[in-house]
Amino acid sequence: MVSRFCFALFAGLTLVLSVSPSAGKSVFVVPIEGTIEKGLAAFVSRVIDEAEEAGVAAVIFQIDTPGGALDAALTVRDAILYSDLKTIAFINPRAISAGALISLACDKIVMTQASTMGATTPVDGSGTKGNDKTVSYMRAEMRATAERTGRDVKIAEAMVDERIDVPGLSAEAGRPATLTTEQALNYQIADETAETLGELLKIYDLGDAEIVEIELNWAEHILRMLTNP
């Protein structure tokens, strides 16, 4: 009787281990969509913790955002930048303002054709550009992020400050840099281009990985609604 119980217990443990994300190669796919606010920041922080605990092969952030609150963006940036996970930003079709900062924090950046990334100059709720102190702070955050992920710091700063000139990068003089897919590849801000998640997975030898699509929980949904400007 005892031996049968032990066998059943062992079989049960084997079954649990066989379906655990950490048992094989798995990938978390995480949406970063719409306005970036505290609800999204809480969501990403939770996902990073769960991904680290599960030991996933990579976390892919599907990014489509016009930007949002700076404090929330910094929380997301820090959660990604200081994790030991392999992180990939999949920009489809835009990572504007705070979205560009978050993308820069990832180990790899992949963009679909005709996507855009940049224009991170801080503005207030009415769209008025921040003062010199705020702009200087955002430049430093972009620079520090680019330094850590091995990207061109001058281009990162040019996304914030229109006074930084990168020849051939901006079509409009006196505007913060916004890169198209081709420009991002040319200046080595983006690493690859792909049109689908499947194509991206093949690029990084993750084609056979289990895809785990992560969604917001009810508390994060409510927080997103409450903190969305």
C-alpha atoms as a PDB file:
ATOM      1  CA  MET A   1       0.000   0.000   0.000  1.00  0.00           C
ATOM      2  CA  VAL A   2       2.812   2.361   0.917  1.00  0.00           C
ATOM      3  CA  SER A   3       4.700   1.533  -2.266  1.00  0.00           C
ATOM      4  CA  ARG A   4       1.585   2.207  -4.354  1.00  0.00           C
ATOM      5  CA  PHE A   5       1.078   5.548  -2.613  1.00  0.00           C
ATOM      6  CA  CYS A   6       4.709   6.518  -3.250  1.00  0.00           C
ATOM      7  CA  PHE A   7       4.376   5.557  -6.886  1.00  0.00           C
ATOM      8  CA  ALA A   8       1.202   7.613  -7.259  1.00  0.00           C
ATOM      9  CA  LEU A   9       2.844  10.578  -5.553  1.00  0.00           C
ATOM     10  CA  PHE A  10       5.873  10.306  -7.825  1.00  0.00           C
ATOM     11  CA  ALA A  11       3.658  10.090 -10.900  1.00  0.00           C
ATOM     12  CA  GLY A  12       1.765  13.176  -9.765  1.00  0.00           C
ATOM     13  CA  LEU A  13       4.960  15.134  -9.257  1.00  0.00           C
ATOM     14  CA  THR A  14       6.192  14.049 -12.672  1.00  0.00           C
ATOM     15  CA  LEU A  15       2.971  15.297 -14.249  1.00  0.00           C
ATOM     16  CA  VAL A  16       3.278  18.679 -12.513  1.00  0.00           C
ATOM     17  CA  LEU A  17       6.892  19.047 -13.612  1.00  0.00           C
ATOM     18  CA  SER A  18       6.027  18.111 -17.177  1.00  0.00           C
ATOM     19  CA  VAL A  19       3.627  21.037 -17.565  1.00  0.00           C
ATOM     20  CA  SER A  20       5.623  23.571 -15.602  1.00  0.00           C
ATOM     21  CA  PRO A  21       7.014  26.435 -17.766  1.00  0.00           C
ATOM     22  CA  SER A  22      10.436  25.789 -16.287  1.00  0.00           C
ATOM     23  CA  ALA A  23      10.456  22.162 -17.435  1.00  0.00           C
ATOM     24  CA  GLY A  24      11.173  23.033 -21.073  1.00  0.00           C
ATOM     25  CA  LYS A  25      11.973  26.015 -23.238  1.00  0.00           C
ATOM     26  CA  SER A  26       9.163  28.534 -22.915  1.00  0.00           C
ATOM     27  CA  VAL A  27       8.671  32.173 -23.868  1.00  0.00           C
ATOM     28  CA  PHE A  28       6.461  34.765 -22.218  1.00  0.00           C
ATOM     29  CA  VAL A  29       4.735  37.149 -24.661  1.00  0.00           C
ATOM     30  CA  VAL A  30       3.675  40.365 -22.955  1.00  0.00           C
ATOM     31  CA  PRO A  31       1.622  43.228 -24.480  1.00  0.00           C
ATOM     32  CA  ILE A  32       2.689  46.828 -23.832  1.00  0.00           C
ATOM     33  CA  GLU A  33      -0.143  48.677 -25.527  1.00  0.00           C
ATOM     34  CA  GLY A  34      -1.862  52.033 -25.203  1.00  0.00           C
ATOM     35  CA  THR A  35      -0.918  54.693 -22.703  1.00  0.00           C
ATOM     36  CA  ILE A  36       1.786  53.723 -20.240  1.00  0.00           C
ATOM     37  CA  GLU A  37       0.602  54.204 -16.654  1.00  0.00           C
ATOM     38  CA  LYS A  38       0.938  52.669 -13.204  1.00  0.00           C
ATOM     39  CA  GLY A  39      -1.319  49.720 -13.972  1.00  0.00           C
ATOM     40  CA  LEU A  40       0.916  48.686 -16.842  1.00  0.00           C
ATOM     41  CA  ALA A  41       3.992  49.192 -14.669  1.00  0.00           C
ATOM     42  CA  ALA A  42       2.561  46.842 -12.025  1.00  0.00           C
ATOM     43  CA  PHE A  43       1.728  44.313 -14.737  1.00  0.00           C
ATOM     44  CA  VAL A  44       5.252  44.270 -16.204  1.00  0.00           C
ATOM     45  CA  SER A  45       6.882  44.084 -12.771  1.00  0.00           C
ATOM     46  CA  ARG A  46       4.737  41.049 -11.931  1.00  0.00           C
ATOM     47  CA  VAL A  47       5.524  39.382 -15.242  1.00  0.00           C
ATOM     48  CA  ILE A  48       9.271  39.833 -14.788  1.00  0.00           C
ATOM     49  CA  ASP A  49       9.093  38.240 -11.337  1.00  0.00           C
ATOM     50  CA  GLU A  50       7.066  35.296 -12.664  1.00  0.00           C
ATOM     51  CA  ALA A  51       9.369  34.857 -15.671  1.00  0.00           C
ATOM     52  CA  GLU A  52      12.445  34.773 -13.449  1.00  0.00           C
ATOM     53  CA  GLU A  53      10.814  32.228 -11.159  1.00  0.00           C
ATOM     54  CA  ALA A  54       9.788  30.058 -14.137  1.00  0.00           C
ATOM     55  CA  GLY A  55      13.204  30.312 -15.774  1.00  0.00           C
ATOM     56  CA  VAL A  56      11.821  31.112 -19.226  1.00  0.00           C
ATOM     57  CA  ALA A  57      14.045  31.286 -22.289  1.00  0.00           C
ATOM     58  CA  ALA A  58      12.930  34.830 -23.134  1.00  0.00           C
ATOM     59  CA  VAL A  59      10.317  37.515 -22.534  1.00  0.00           C
ATOM     60  CA  ILE A  60       8.977  39.227 -25.641  1.00  0.00           C
ATOM     61  CA  PHE A  61       7.264  42.584 -25.201  1.00  0.00           C
ATOM     62  CA  GLN A  62       4.844  43.389 -28.012  1.00  0.00           C
ATOM     63  CA  ILE A  63       5.001  47.170 -28.082  1.00  0.00           C
ATOM     64  CA  ASP A  64       2.474  49.577 -29.568  1.00  0.00           C
ATOM     65  CA  THR A  65       2.324  52.769 -27.522  1.00  0.00           C
ATOM     66  CA  PRO A  66       2.341  56.553 -27.990  1.00  0.00           C
ATOM     67  CA  GLY A  67       3.974  56.942 -24.541  1.00  0.00           C
ATOM     68  CA  GLY A  68       2.631  57.893 -21.169  1.00  0.00           C
ATOM     69  CA  ALA A  69       3.605  58.735 -17.607  1.00  0.00           C
ATOM     70  CA  LEU A  70       7.342  59.036 -16.974  1.00  0.00           C
ATOM     71  CA  ASP A  71       7.264  57.510 -13.494  1.00  0.00           C
ATOM     72  CA  ALA A  72       5.436  54.445 -14.784  1.00  0.00           C
ATOM     73  CA  ALA A  73       7.823  54.138 -17.740  1.00  0.00           C
ATOM     74  CA  LEU A  74      10.818  54.254 -15.407  1.00  0.00           C
ATOM     75  CA  THR A  75       9.344  51.452 -13.306  1.00  0.00           C
ATOM     76  CA  VAL A  76       8.951  49.321 -16.428  1.00  0.00           C
ATOM     77  CA  ARG A  77      12.428  50.266 -17.644  1.00  0.00           C
ATOM     78  CA  ASP A  78      14.049  49.276 -14.357  1.00  0.00           C
ATOM     79  CA  ALA A  79      12.165  45.980 -14.127  1.00  0.00           C
ATOM     80  CA  ILE A  80      13.402  44.994 -17.589  1.00  0.00           C
ATOM     81  CA  LEU A  81      16.886  46.479 -17.476  1.00  0.00           C
ATOM     82  CA  TYR A  82      17.951  44.965 -14.165  1.00  0.00           C
ATOM     83  CA  SER A  83      16.561  41.480 -14.714  1.00  0.00           C
ATOM     84  CA  ASP A  84      18.714  38.533 -15.791  1.00  0.00           C
ATOM     85  CA  LEU A  85      16.175  37.474 -18.394  1.00  0.00           C
ATOM     86  CA  LYS A  86      16.631  37.605 -22.150  1.00  0.00           C
ATOM     87  CA  THR A  87      14.257  40.385 -23.188  1.00  0.00           C
ATOM     88  CA  ILE A  88      13.102  41.295 -26.686  1.00  0.00           C
ATOM     89  CA  ALA A  89      11.109  44.368 -27.705  1.00  0.00           C
ATOM     90  CA  PHE A  90       8.863  43.631 -30.693  1.00  0.00           C
ATOM     91  CA  ILE A  91       7.800  47.053 -31.959  1.00  0.00           C
ATOM     92  CA  ASN A  92       4.614  46.786 -33.991  1.00  0.00           C
ATOM     93  CA  PRO A  93       4.036  49.427 -35.122  1.00  0.00           C
ATOM     94  CA  ARG A  94       5.309  52.170 -32.779  1.00  0.00           C
ATOM     95  CA  ALA A  95       7.320  52.815 -29.630  1.00  0.00           C
ATOM     96  CA  ILE A  96       6.993  56.537 -29.085  1.00  0.00           C
ATOM     97  CA  SER A  97       8.157  58.576 -26.096  1.00  0.00           C
ATOM     98  CA  ALA A  98       8.183  56.319 -23.022  1.00  0.00           C
ATOM     99  CA  GLY A  99       7.796  53.363 -25.370  1.00  0.00           C
ATOM    100  CA  ALA A 100      11.233  54.099 -26.826  1.00  0.00           C
ATOM    101  CA  LEU A 101      12.788  54.122 -23.348  1.00  0.00           C
ATOM    102  CA  ILE A 102      11.230  50.751 -22.564  1.00  0.00           C
ATOM    103  CA  SER A 103      12.394  49.318 -25.889  1.00  0.00           C
ATOM    104  CA  LEU A 104      15.954  50.502 -25.280  1.00  0.00           C
ATOM    105  CA  ALA A 105      15.934  48.634 -21.961  1.00  0.00           C
ATOM    106  CA  CYS A 106      15.491  45.299 -23.757  1.00  0.00           C
ATOM    107  CA  ASP A 107      18.397  43.137 -24.865  1.00  0.00           C
ATOM    108  CA  LYS A 108      17.106  42.999 -28.439  1.00  0.00           C
ATOM    109  CA  ILE A 109      14.833  45.227 -30.511  1.00  0.00           C
ATOM    110  CA  VAL A 110      12.875  43.847 -33.457  1.00  0.00           C
ATOM    111  CA  MET A 111      10.650  46.075 -35.601  1.00  0.00           C
ATOM    112  CA  THR A 112       8.052  45.362 -38.250  1.00  0.00           C
ATOM    113  CA  GLN A 113       8.399  47.245 -41.505  1.00  0.00           C
ATOM    114  CA  ALA A 114       7.064  50.834 -41.404  1.00  0.00           C
ATOM    115  CA  SER A 115       7.329  51.018 -37.613  1.00  0.00           C
ATOM    116  CA  THR A 116       8.650  54.012 -35.676  1.00  0.00           C
ATOM    117  CA  MET A 117      10.572  54.606 -32.474  1.00  0.00           C
ATOM    118  CA  GLY A 118      11.653  57.800 -30.689  1.00  0.00           C
ATOM    119  CA  ALA A 119      10.338  61.286 -29.855  1.00  0.00           C
ATOM    120  CA  THR A 120      10.969  60.939 -26.123  1.00  0.00           C
ATOM    121  CA  THR A 121      10.967  64.633 -25.217  1.00  0.00           C
ATOM    122  CA  PRO A 122       9.014  64.928 -21.928  1.00  0.00           C
ATOM    123  CA  VAL A 123       5.792  66.935 -22.138  1.00  0.00           C
ATOM    124  CA  ASP A 124       3.036  67.808 -19.702  1.00  0.00           C
ATOM    125  CA  GLY A 125      -0.639  66.889 -20.007  1.00  0.00           C
ATOM    126  CA  SER A 126      -1.269  69.682 -22.500  1.00  0.00           C
ATOM    127  CA  GLY A 127       1.637  68.663 -24.727  1.00  0.00           C
ATOM    128  CA  THR A 128       3.950  71.488 -23.635  1.00  0.00           C
ATOM    129  CA  LYS A 129       7.619  70.585 -23.600  1.00  0.00           C
ATOM    130  CA  GLY A 130       9.146  70.101 -20.162  1.00  0.00           C
ATOM    131  CA  ASN A 131      11.646  72.554 -18.694  1.00  0.00           C
ATOM    132  CA  ASP A 132      15.409  72.178 -19.131  1.00  0.00           C
ATOM    133  CA  LYS A 133      15.729  70.238 -15.880  1.00  0.00           C
ATOM    134  CA  THR A 134      13.180  67.646 -16.972  1.00  0.00           C
ATOM    135  CA  VAL A 135      14.683  67.330 -20.455  1.00  0.00           C
ATOM    136  CA  SER A 136      18.156  66.912 -18.954  1.00  0.00           C
ATOM    137  CA  TYR A 137      16.869  64.174 -16.656  1.00  0.00           C
ATOM    138  CA  MET A 138      15.228  62.296 -19.522  1.00  0.00           C
ATOM    139  CA  ARG A 139      18.403  62.579 -21.602  1.00  0.00           C
ATOM    140  CA  ALA A 140      20.361  61.006 -18.769  1.00  0.00           C
ATOM    141  CA  GLU A 141      17.850  58.150 -18.446  1.00  0.00           C
ATOM    142  CA  MET A 142      18.009  57.445 -22.183  1.00  0.00           C
ATOM    143  CA  ARG A 143      21.783  57.647 -22.203  1.00  0.00           C
ATOM    144  CA  ALA A 144      22.188  55.349 -19.196  1.00  0.00           C
ATOM    145  CA  THR A 145      19.786  52.825 -20.723  1.00  0.00           C
ATOM    146  CA  ALA A 146      21.612  52.850 -24.066  1.00  0.00           C
ATOM    147  CA  GLU A 147      24.961  52.477 -22.317  1.00  0.00           C
ATOM    148  CA  ARG A 148      23.800  49.385 -20.451  1.00  0.00           C
ATOM    149  CA  THR A 149      22.318  47.711 -23.549  1.00  0.00           C
ATOM    150  CA  GLY A 150      25.197  48.674 -25.833  1.00  0.00           C
ATOM    151  CA  ARG A 151      23.447  51.110 -28.157  1.00  0.00           C
ATOM    152  CA  ASP A 152      24.456  54.510 -29.548  1.00  0.00           C
ATOM    153  CA  VAL A 153      24.056  56.978 -26.694  1.00  0.00           C
ATOM    154  CA  LYS A 154      24.051  60.018 -28.981  1.00  0.00           C
ATOM    155  CA  ILE A 155      21.054  58.728 -30.899  1.00  0.00           C
ATOM    156  CA  ALA A 156      19.312  57.863 -27.632  1.00  0.00           C
ATOM    157  CA  GLU A 157      19.812  61.437 -26.435  1.00  0.00           C
ATOM    158  CA  ALA A 158      18.751  62.843 -29.817  1.00  0.00           C
ATOM    159  CA  MET A 159      15.360  61.195 -29.304  1.00  0.00           C
ATOM    160  CA  VAL A 160      14.920  63.526 -26.323  1.00  0.00           C
ATOM    161  CA  ASP A 161      16.733  66.729 -27.255  1.00  0.00           C
ATOM    162  CA  GLU A 162      16.363  68.355 -30.677  1.00  0.00           C
ATOM    163  CA  ARG A 163      19.630  70.238 -30.137  1.00  0.00           C
ATOM    164  CA  ILE A 164      21.606  67.038 -30.653  1.00  0.00           C
ATOM    165  CA  ASP A 165      22.329  66.696 -34.345  1.00  0.00           C
ATOM    166  CA  VAL A 166      22.821  63.291 -35.929  1.00  0.00           C
ATOM    167  CA  PRO A 167      23.359  63.878 -39.675  1.00  0.00           C
ATOM    168  CA  GLY A 168      20.839  62.071 -41.824  1.00  0.00           C
ATOM    169  CA  LEU A 169      18.731  60.871 -38.913  1.00  0.00           C
ATOM    170  CA  SER A 170      15.952  63.432 -38.619  1.00  0.00           C
ATOM    171  CA  ALA A 171      13.982  64.677 -41.584  1.00  0.00           C
ATOM    172  CA  GLU A 172      13.037  67.833 -39.699  1.00  0.00           C
ATOM    173  CA  ALA A 173      15.672  70.081 -38.170  1.00  0.00           C
ATOM    174  CA  GLY A 174      14.896  71.142 -34.626  1.00  0.00           C
ATOM    175  CA  ARG A 175      12.782  68.065 -33.858  1.00  0.00           C
ATOM    176  CA  PRO A 176      13.650  65.174 -31.519  1.00  0.00           C
ATOM    177  CA  ALA A 177      14.716  62.116 -33.475  1.00  0.00           C
ATOM    178  CA  THR A 178      12.147  59.539 -34.497  1.00  0.00           C
ATOM    179  CA  LEU A 179      13.522  56.520 -36.322  1.00  0.00           C
ATOM    180  CA  THR A 180      11.829  54.422 -38.972  1.00  0.00           C
ATOM    181  CA  THR A 181      12.553  50.719 -39.102  1.00  0.00           C
ATOM    182  CA  GLU A 182      15.237  51.166 -41.752  1.00  0.00           C
ATOM    183  CA  GLN A 183      16.896  53.994 -39.833  1.00  0.00           C
ATOM    184  CA  ALA A 184      16.843  52.012 -36.595  1.00  0.00           C
ATOM    185  CA  LEU A 185      18.524  49.080 -38.331  1.00  0.00           C
ATOM    186  CA  ASN A 186      21.038  51.331 -40.070  1.00  0.00           C
ATOM    187  CA  TYR A 187      22.064  53.024 -36.820  1.00  0.00           C
ATOM    188  CA  GLN A 188      22.053  49.684 -34.960  1.00  0.00           C
ATOM    189  CA  ILE A 189      19.345  50.748 -32.542  1.00  0.00           C
ATOM    190  CA  ALA A 190      17.183  47.845 -33.772  1.00  0.00           C
ATOM    191  CA  ASP A 191      18.670  44.397 -34.261  1.00  0.00           C
ATOM    192  CA  GLU A 192      16.270  42.713 -36.675  1.00  0.00           C
ATOM    193  CA  THR A 193      13.071  43.136 -38.608  1.00  0.00           C
ATOM    194  CA  ALA A 194      10.197  40.638 -38.573  1.00  0.00           C
ATOM    195  CA  GLU A 195       6.560  40.812 -39.564  1.00  0.00           C
ATOM    196  CA  THR A 196       5.201  38.171 -37.232  1.00  0.00           C
ATOM    197  CA  LEU A 197       5.928  36.693 -33.834  1.00  0.00           C
ATOM    198  CA  GLY A 198       6.742  33.419 -35.553  1.00  0.00           C
ATOM    199  CA  GLU A 199       9.451  35.067 -37.646  1.00  0.00           C
ATOM    200  CA  LEU A 200      10.927  36.693 -34.545  1.00  0.00           C
ATOM    201  CA  LEU A 201      11.033  33.380 -32.685  1.00  0.00           C
ATOM    202  CA  LYS A 202      12.924  31.715 -35.536  1.00  0.00           C
ATOM    203  CA  ILE A 203      15.527  34.512 -35.577  1.00  0.00           C
ATOM    204  CA  TYR A 204      16.440  33.762 -31.963  1.00  0.00           C
ATOM    205  CA  ASP A 205      16.154  29.945 -32.217  1.00  0.00           C
ATOM    206  CA  LEU A 206      12.928  29.920 -30.225  1.00  0.00           C
ATOM    207  CA  GLY A 207      10.719  28.395 -32.886  1.00  0.00           C
ATOM    208  CA  ASP A 208      10.095  25.260 -30.832  1.00  0.00           C
ATOM    209  CA  ALA A 209       9.477  27.085 -27.552  1.00  0.00           C
ATOM    210  CA  GLU A 210       6.164  26.957 -25.711  1.00  0.00           C
ATOM    211  CA  ILE A 211       4.468  30.350 -26.113  1.00  0.00           C
ATOM    212  CA  VAL A 212       2.845  31.663 -22.951  1.00  0.00           C
ATOM    213  CA  GLU A 213       0.704  34.747 -23.588  1.00  0.00           C
ATOM    214  CA  ILE A 214       0.480  36.834 -20.420  1.00  0.00           C
ATOM    215  CA  GLU A 215      -2.580  38.953 -19.664  1.00  0.00           C
ATOM    216  CA  LEU A 216      -3.423  41.540 -17.046  1.00  0.00           C
ATOM    217  CA  ASN A 217      -5.172  40.330 -13.939  1.00  0.00           C
ATOM    218  CA  TRP A 218      -8.346  42.024 -12.681  1.00  0.00           C
ATOM    219  CA  ALA A 219      -6.479  44.310 -10.256  1.00  0.00           C
ATOM    220  CA  GLU A 220      -4.128  45.514 -12.986  1.00  0.00           C
ATOM    221  CA  HIS A 221      -7.064  46.148 -15.314  1.00  0.00           C
ATOM    222  CA  ILE A 222      -8.695  48.350 -12.687  1.00  0.00           C
ATOM    223  CA  LEU A 223      -5.454  50.169 -11.935  1.00  0.00           C
ATOM    224  CA  ARG A 224      -4.929  50.866 -15.621  1.00  0.00           C
ATOM    225  CA  MET A 225      -8.384  52.398 -15.869  1.00  0.00           C
ATOM    226  CA  LEU A 226      -7.888  54.498 -12.738  1.00  0.00           C
ATOM    227  CA  THR A 227      -4.436  55.832 -13.683  1.00  0.00           C
ATOM    228  CA  ASN A 228      -4.979  56.365 -17.402  1.00  0.00           C
ATOM    229  CA  PRO A 229      -4.803  60.115 -18.061  1.00  0.00           C
END
